[in-house]
Amino acid sequence: MTDFASKQKEYIGWEPDRRAQFLSDLVECAWKYTNKAFSATVVLEDYRAADERYHLHEELGQPYSVCGRNCVGYVKKWADKHGVRKVAFVFESGDQDWADFQRICREQDKIEPVFCSKKEFVPFQAADLIAWKSRHPIRRSLRDDPDFTIDEGQRLLESVHALEKRPYIGGVFDFNSFIRICKEGNIPLRRAAPQ
């Protein structure tokens, strides 16, 4: 997905129509074989700003852990509601802060996440596609202006709207979300530096 987005390697020189059709085909294939989608997004600037005020990373973990734990929570809630008793939590190995996430899952969620590579677990490729496609509308909604054409932006938004046609659970964690979580969870404030 990184090579496709940056028009590198085998995607050099692809015309806009070919890119659009390729994206459409990928999304159709991903959704055809997806039963349920779960996602979480952390706005990094907001996480950092909240972490400056509160002991956020010490209590909740790094952003990767926040996203992963929320997906675990969504899946657990969904599984309980539907009587699903056995769930394997599989995450991509090698991501930054995956060890922090693994520790937190063991200590707080009492689960043992499984870590695999994209080569070992092909569904990660579909997850990357959906994450990549979701990123642009989220960034746009936060008034960030990513570098993509109006036509590409429209196609991306149309593809993301396809998420509504499938059962989907997700959330975006911004500054206000983190402040609320810190207050409700009694996460301590950081001491101000002496002046």
C-alpha atoms as a PDB file:
ATOM      1  CA  MET A   1       0.000   0.000   0.000  1.00  0.00           C
ATOM      2  CA  THR A   2       2.904   2.323   0.747  1.00  0.00           C
ATOM      3  CA  ASP A   3       4.346   1.767  -2.749  1.00  0.00           C
ATOM      4  CA  PHE A   4       0.923   2.258  -4.345  1.00  0.00           C
ATOM      5  CA  ALA A   5       0.201   5.482  -2.413  1.00  0.00           C
ATOM      6  CA  SER A   6       3.609   6.948  -3.270  1.00  0.00           C
ATOM      7  CA  LYS A   7       3.454   5.691  -6.892  1.00  0.00           C
ATOM      8  CA  GLN A   8       6.693   3.716  -6.487  1.00  0.00           C
ATOM      9  CA  LYS A   9       8.039   0.388  -7.795  1.00  0.00           C
ATOM     10  CA  GLU A  10       5.491  -1.467  -9.946  1.00  0.00           C
ATOM     11  CA  TYR A  11       3.005   1.429  -9.631  1.00  0.00           C
ATOM     12  CA  ILE A  12       5.212   4.018 -11.361  1.00  0.00           C
ATOM     13  CA  GLY A  13       3.401   5.543 -14.314  1.00  0.00           C
ATOM     14  CA  TRP A  14      -0.050   4.142 -13.575  1.00  0.00           C
ATOM     15  CA  GLU A  15      -2.753   6.385 -15.024  1.00  0.00           C
ATOM     16  CA  PRO A  16      -5.475   7.728 -12.667  1.00  0.00           C
ATOM     17  CA  ASP A  17      -8.153   5.460 -14.167  1.00  0.00           C
ATOM     18  CA  ARG A  18      -6.008   2.357 -13.655  1.00  0.00           C
ATOM     19  CA  ARG A  19      -5.263   3.416 -10.057  1.00  0.00           C
ATOM     20  CA  ALA A  20      -8.957   4.030  -9.377  1.00  0.00           C
ATOM     21  CA  GLN A  21      -9.993   0.655 -10.810  1.00  0.00           C
ATOM     22  CA  PHE A  22      -7.251  -1.117  -8.869  1.00  0.00           C
ATOM     23  CA  LEU A  23      -8.383   0.507  -5.608  1.00  0.00           C
ATOM     24  CA  SER A  24     -11.981  -0.362  -6.352  1.00  0.00           C
ATOM     25  CA  ASP A  25     -11.083  -4.003  -7.064  1.00  0.00           C
ATOM     26  CA  LEU A  26      -9.014  -4.247  -3.862  1.00  0.00           C
ATOM     27  CA  VAL A  27     -11.797  -2.806  -1.716  1.00  0.00           C
ATOM     28  CA  GLU A  28     -14.362  -5.126  -3.291  1.00  0.00           C
ATOM     29  CA  CYS A  29     -12.141  -8.155  -2.661  1.00  0.00           C
ATOM     30  CA  ALA A  30     -11.405  -7.099   0.927  1.00  0.00           C
ATOM     31  CA  TRP A  31     -15.047  -6.582   1.789  1.00  0.00           C
ATOM     32  CA  LYS A  32     -16.139  -9.773   0.074  1.00  0.00           C
ATOM     33  CA  TYR A  33     -14.072 -11.760   2.573  1.00  0.00           C
ATOM     34  CA  THR A  34     -14.586  -9.534   5.625  1.00  0.00           C
ATOM     35  CA  ASN A  35     -17.259 -10.419   8.155  1.00  0.00           C
ATOM     36  CA  LYS A  36     -16.702  -7.569  10.617  1.00  0.00           C
ATOM     37  CA  ALA A  37     -14.352  -4.600  10.734  1.00  0.00           C
ATOM     38  CA  PHE A  38     -12.895  -2.987  13.860  1.00  0.00           C
ATOM     39  CA  SER A  39     -10.641   0.044  13.934  1.00  0.00           C
ATOM     40  CA  ALA A  40      -9.270   2.761  16.172  1.00  0.00           C
ATOM     41  CA  THR A  41      -7.438   5.933  15.229  1.00  0.00           C
ATOM     42  CA  VAL A  42      -5.254   8.098  17.449  1.00  0.00           C
ATOM     43  CA  VAL A  43      -4.580  11.681  16.393  1.00  0.00           C
ATOM     44  CA  LEU A  44      -0.886  11.749  17.302  1.00  0.00           C
ATOM     45  CA  GLU A  45      -0.635  15.508  17.922  1.00  0.00           C
ATOM     46  CA  ASP A  46      -3.596  15.274  20.324  1.00  0.00           C
ATOM     47  CA  TYR A  47      -2.136  12.240  22.084  1.00  0.00           C
ATOM     48  CA  ARG A  48       1.151  14.095  22.613  1.00  0.00           C
ATOM     49  CA  ALA A  49      -0.624  17.210  23.890  1.00  0.00           C
ATOM     50  CA  ALA A  50      -2.683  15.177  26.383  1.00  0.00           C
ATOM     51  CA  ASP A  51       0.437  13.205  27.397  1.00  0.00           C
ATOM     52  CA  GLU A  52       2.156  16.500  28.268  1.00  0.00           C
ATOM     53  CA  ARG A  53      -0.624  17.202  30.794  1.00  0.00           C
ATOM     54  CA  TYR A  54      -1.352  13.715  32.102  1.00  0.00           C
ATOM     55  CA  HIS A  55       0.556  10.469  32.732  1.00  0.00           C
ATOM     56  CA  LEU A  56      -1.101   9.113  29.595  1.00  0.00           C
ATOM     57  CA  HIS A  57       1.594   6.868  28.138  1.00  0.00           C
ATOM     58  CA  GLU A  58       2.397   5.431  31.569  1.00  0.00           C
ATOM     59  CA  GLU A  59      -1.259   4.484  32.186  1.00  0.00           C
ATOM     60  CA  LEU A  60      -2.641   3.690  28.713  1.00  0.00           C
ATOM     61  CA  GLY A  61       0.511   2.921  26.753  1.00  0.00           C
ATOM     62  CA  GLN A  62       1.810   4.339  23.498  1.00  0.00           C
ATOM     63  CA  PRO A  63      -0.586   5.242  20.625  1.00  0.00           C
ATOM     64  CA  TYR A  64      -0.220   1.771  19.054  1.00  0.00           C
ATOM     65  CA  SER A  65      -1.308   0.242  22.366  1.00  0.00           C
ATOM     66  CA  VAL A  66      -4.276   2.603  22.656  1.00  0.00           C
ATOM     67  CA  CYS A  67      -5.489   1.603  19.176  1.00  0.00           C
ATOM     68  CA  GLY A  68      -4.823  -2.098  19.696  1.00  0.00           C
ATOM     69  CA  ARG A  69      -6.504  -2.241  23.098  1.00  0.00           C
ATOM     70  CA  ASN A  70      -9.557  -0.439  21.800  1.00  0.00           C
ATOM     71  CA  CYS A  71      -9.864  -2.901  18.933  1.00  0.00           C
ATOM     72  CA  VAL A  72      -9.521  -5.734  21.464  1.00  0.00           C
ATOM     73  CA  GLY A  73     -12.272  -4.102  23.527  1.00  0.00           C
ATOM     74  CA  TYR A  74     -14.554  -3.711  20.501  1.00  0.00           C
ATOM     75  CA  VAL A  75     -14.014  -7.346  19.523  1.00  0.00           C
ATOM     76  CA  LYS A  76     -14.617  -8.616  23.068  1.00  0.00           C
ATOM     77  CA  LYS A  77     -17.856  -6.623  23.339  1.00  0.00           C
ATOM     78  CA  TRP A  78     -19.016  -7.865  19.925  1.00  0.00           C
ATOM     79  CA  ALA A  79     -18.062 -11.475  20.752  1.00  0.00           C
ATOM     80  CA  ASP A  80     -19.946 -11.363  24.066  1.00  0.00           C
ATOM     81  CA  LYS A  81     -23.024  -9.940  22.382  1.00  0.00           C
ATOM     82  CA  HIS A  82     -23.006 -12.667  19.720  1.00  0.00           C
ATOM     83  CA  GLY A  83     -22.001 -15.600  21.916  1.00  0.00           C
ATOM     84  CA  VAL A  84     -18.585 -16.036  20.319  1.00  0.00           C
ATOM     85  CA  ARG A  85     -16.455 -17.843  22.892  1.00  0.00           C
ATOM     86  CA  LYS A  86     -13.063 -18.188  21.224  1.00  0.00           C
ATOM     87  CA  VAL A  87     -11.263 -15.270  19.640  1.00  0.00           C
ATOM     88  CA  ALA A  88      -7.680 -15.062  18.405  1.00  0.00           C
ATOM     89  CA  PHE A  89      -6.269 -11.547  18.562  1.00  0.00           C
ATOM     90  CA  VAL A  90      -3.742 -11.348  15.729  1.00  0.00           C
ATOM     91  CA  PHE A  91      -1.595  -8.267  15.140  1.00  0.00           C
ATOM     92  CA  GLU A  92       1.212  -7.431  12.756  1.00  0.00           C
ATOM     93  CA  SER A  93       4.646  -8.109  14.223  1.00  0.00           C
ATOM     94  CA  GLY A  94       7.384  -5.554  14.116  1.00  0.00           C
ATOM     95  CA  ASP A  95       5.199  -2.480  14.505  1.00  0.00           C
ATOM     96  CA  GLN A  96       6.644   0.206  16.740  1.00  0.00           C
ATOM     97  CA  ASP A  97       5.638  -0.284  20.376  1.00  0.00           C
ATOM     98  CA  TRP A  98       4.209  -3.777  19.826  1.00  0.00           C
ATOM     99  CA  ALA A  99       6.033  -5.014  22.938  1.00  0.00           C
ATOM    100  CA  ASP A 100       4.319  -2.314  25.028  1.00  0.00           C
ATOM    101  CA  PHE A 101       0.983  -3.413  23.593  1.00  0.00           C
ATOM    102  CA  GLN A 102       1.716  -7.089  24.316  1.00  0.00           C
ATOM    103  CA  ARG A 103       2.616  -6.301  27.927  1.00  0.00           C
ATOM    104  CA  ILE A 104      -0.534  -4.250  28.462  1.00  0.00           C
ATOM    105  CA  CYS A 105      -2.733  -6.958  26.917  1.00  0.00           C
ATOM    106  CA  ARG A 106      -1.245  -9.546  29.246  1.00  0.00           C
ATOM    107  CA  GLU A 107      -1.461  -7.400  32.365  1.00  0.00           C
ATOM    108  CA  GLN A 108      -4.743  -5.568  31.878  1.00  0.00           C
ATOM    109  CA  ASP A 109      -6.824  -7.552  29.382  1.00  0.00           C
ATOM    110  CA  LYS A 110      -5.581 -11.032  30.352  1.00  0.00           C
ATOM    111  CA  ILE A 111      -5.150 -12.015  26.711  1.00  0.00           C
ATOM    112  CA  GLU A 112      -2.170 -13.205  24.727  1.00  0.00           C
ATOM    113  CA  PRO A 113      -2.071 -11.417  21.365  1.00  0.00           C
ATOM    114  CA  VAL A 114      -0.540 -13.318  18.465  1.00  0.00           C
ATOM    115  CA  PHE A 115       1.948 -11.470  16.254  1.00  0.00           C
ATOM    116  CA  CYS A 116       2.488 -12.448  12.594  1.00  0.00           C
ATOM    117  CA  SER A 117       4.051 -10.912   9.513  1.00  0.00           C
ATOM    118  CA  LYS A 118       2.082  -9.836   6.436  1.00  0.00           C
ATOM    119  CA  LYS A 119       3.517 -12.833   4.619  1.00  0.00           C
ATOM    120  CA  GLU A 120       2.219 -15.180   7.322  1.00  0.00           C
ATOM    121  CA  PHE A 121      -1.188 -13.529   7.644  1.00  0.00           C
ATOM    122  CA  VAL A 122      -2.540 -12.145   4.366  1.00  0.00           C
ATOM    123  CA  PRO A 123      -5.608 -10.393   5.924  1.00  0.00           C
ATOM    124  CA  PHE A 124      -3.193  -7.728   7.208  1.00  0.00           C
ATOM    125  CA  GLN A 125      -2.946  -6.474   3.633  1.00  0.00           C
ATOM    126  CA  ALA A 126      -6.696  -5.805   3.512  1.00  0.00           C
ATOM    127  CA  ALA A 127      -6.502  -4.126   6.924  1.00  0.00           C
ATOM    128  CA  ASP A 128      -3.701  -1.859   5.646  1.00  0.00           C
ATOM    129  CA  LEU A 129      -5.822  -0.923   2.638  1.00  0.00           C
ATOM    130  CA  ILE A 130      -8.813   0.040   4.768  1.00  0.00           C
ATOM    131  CA  ALA A 131      -6.593   1.925   7.241  1.00  0.00           C
ATOM    132  CA  TRP A 132      -4.892   3.797   4.414  1.00  0.00           C
ATOM    133  CA  LYS A 133      -8.218   4.698   2.813  1.00  0.00           C
ATOM    134  CA  SER A 134      -9.736   5.784   6.129  1.00  0.00           C
ATOM    135  CA  ARG A 135      -6.783   8.008   6.965  1.00  0.00           C
ATOM    136  CA  HIS A 136      -7.504  10.645   4.328  1.00  0.00           C
ATOM    137  CA  PRO A 137     -11.105  11.458   5.309  1.00  0.00           C
ATOM    138  CA  ILE A 138     -10.106  11.491   8.984  1.00  0.00           C
ATOM    139  CA  ARG A 139      -7.230  13.881   8.314  1.00  0.00           C
ATOM    140  CA  ARG A 140      -9.496  16.025   6.156  1.00  0.00           C
ATOM    141  CA  SER A 141     -12.110  16.167   8.890  1.00  0.00           C
ATOM    142  CA  LEU A 142      -9.398  17.399  11.271  1.00  0.00           C
ATOM    143  CA  ARG A 143      -8.613  20.208   8.830  1.00  0.00           C
ATOM    144  CA  ASP A 144      -5.266  18.767   7.821  1.00  0.00           C
ATOM    145  CA  ASP A 145      -4.752  19.078   4.087  1.00  0.00           C
ATOM    146  CA  PRO A 146      -3.093  15.919   2.718  1.00  0.00           C
ATOM    147  CA  ASP A 147      -1.469  16.111  -0.674  1.00  0.00           C
ATOM    148  CA  PHE A 148      -3.881  14.383  -3.030  1.00  0.00           C
ATOM    149  CA  THR A 149      -5.993  15.530  -5.975  1.00  0.00           C
ATOM    150  CA  ILE A 150      -9.694  16.333  -5.712  1.00  0.00           C
ATOM    151  CA  ASP A 151     -10.534  13.338  -7.938  1.00  0.00           C
ATOM    152  CA  GLU A 152      -8.463  10.961  -5.791  1.00  0.00           C
ATOM    153  CA  GLY A 153      -9.999  12.437  -2.670  1.00  0.00           C
ATOM    154  CA  GLN A 154     -13.508  11.892  -3.970  1.00  0.00           C
ATOM    155  CA  ARG A 155     -12.753   8.271  -4.932  1.00  0.00           C
ATOM    156  CA  LEU A 156     -11.229   7.648  -1.505  1.00  0.00           C
ATOM    157  CA  LEU A 157     -14.267   9.069   0.262  1.00  0.00           C
ATOM    158  CA  GLU A 158     -16.627   6.991  -1.896  1.00  0.00           C
ATOM    159  CA  SER A 159     -14.635   3.869  -1.060  1.00  0.00           C
ATOM    160  CA  VAL A 160     -14.643   4.633   2.654  1.00  0.00           C
ATOM    161  CA  HIS A 161     -18.418   5.095   2.529  1.00  0.00           C
ATOM    162  CA  ALA A 162     -18.520   1.441   1.468  1.00  0.00           C
ATOM    163  CA  LEU A 163     -17.575   0.696   5.086  1.00  0.00           C
ATOM    164  CA  GLU A 164     -21.147   1.599   6.034  1.00  0.00           C
ATOM    165  CA  LYS A 165     -22.411  -1.352   4.007  1.00  0.00           C
ATOM    166  CA  ARG A 166     -20.622  -3.779   6.320  1.00  0.00           C
ATOM    167  CA  PRO A 167     -20.814  -4.138  10.087  1.00  0.00           C
ATOM    168  CA  TYR A 168     -18.125  -1.746  11.296  1.00  0.00           C
ATOM    169  CA  ILE A 169     -17.023  -0.567  14.734  1.00  0.00           C
ATOM    170  CA  GLY A 170     -14.406   2.106  15.183  1.00  0.00           C
ATOM    171  CA  GLY A 171     -13.420   5.295  16.893  1.00  0.00           C
ATOM    172  CA  VAL A 172     -11.158   8.301  16.621  1.00  0.00           C
ATOM    173  CA  PHE A 173      -9.265   9.438  19.709  1.00  0.00           C
ATOM    174  CA  ASP A 174      -8.604  13.170  19.684  1.00  0.00           C
ATOM    175  CA  PHE A 175      -7.507  15.625  22.387  1.00  0.00           C
ATOM    176  CA  ASN A 176     -10.957  15.900  23.975  1.00  0.00           C
ATOM    177  CA  SER A 177     -11.273  12.105  24.079  1.00  0.00           C
ATOM    178  CA  PHE A 178      -7.947  11.761  25.867  1.00  0.00           C
ATOM    179  CA  ILE A 179      -8.754  14.502  28.388  1.00  0.00           C
ATOM    180  CA  ARG A 180     -12.095  12.816  29.147  1.00  0.00           C
ATOM    181  CA  ILE A 181     -10.396   9.406  29.508  1.00  0.00           C
ATOM    182  CA  CYS A 182      -7.761  10.878  31.848  1.00  0.00           C
ATOM    183  CA  LYS A 183     -10.339  12.609  34.031  1.00  0.00           C
ATOM    184  CA  GLU A 184     -12.719   9.623  34.154  1.00  0.00           C
ATOM    185  CA  GLY A 185      -9.855   7.199  34.752  1.00  0.00           C
ATOM    186  CA  ASN A 186      -8.243   9.377  37.425  1.00  0.00           C
ATOM    187  CA  ILE A 187      -4.995   9.455  35.481  1.00  0.00           C
ATOM    188  CA  PRO A 188      -2.721  11.856  37.374  1.00  0.00           C
ATOM    189  CA  LEU A 189      -1.626  15.210  36.053  1.00  0.00           C
ATOM    190  CA  ARG A 190       2.064  15.785  35.465  1.00  0.00           C
ATOM    191  CA  ARG A 191       3.717  18.216  37.849  1.00  0.00           C
ATOM    192  CA  ALA A 192       4.571  21.546  36.345  1.00  0.00           C
ATOM    193  CA  ALA A 193       8.285  22.136  35.905  1.00  0.00           C
ATOM    194  CA  PRO A 194       9.759  24.515  38.530  1.00  0.00           C
ATOM    195  CA  GLN A 195      10.233  28.039  37.227  1.00  0.00           C
END
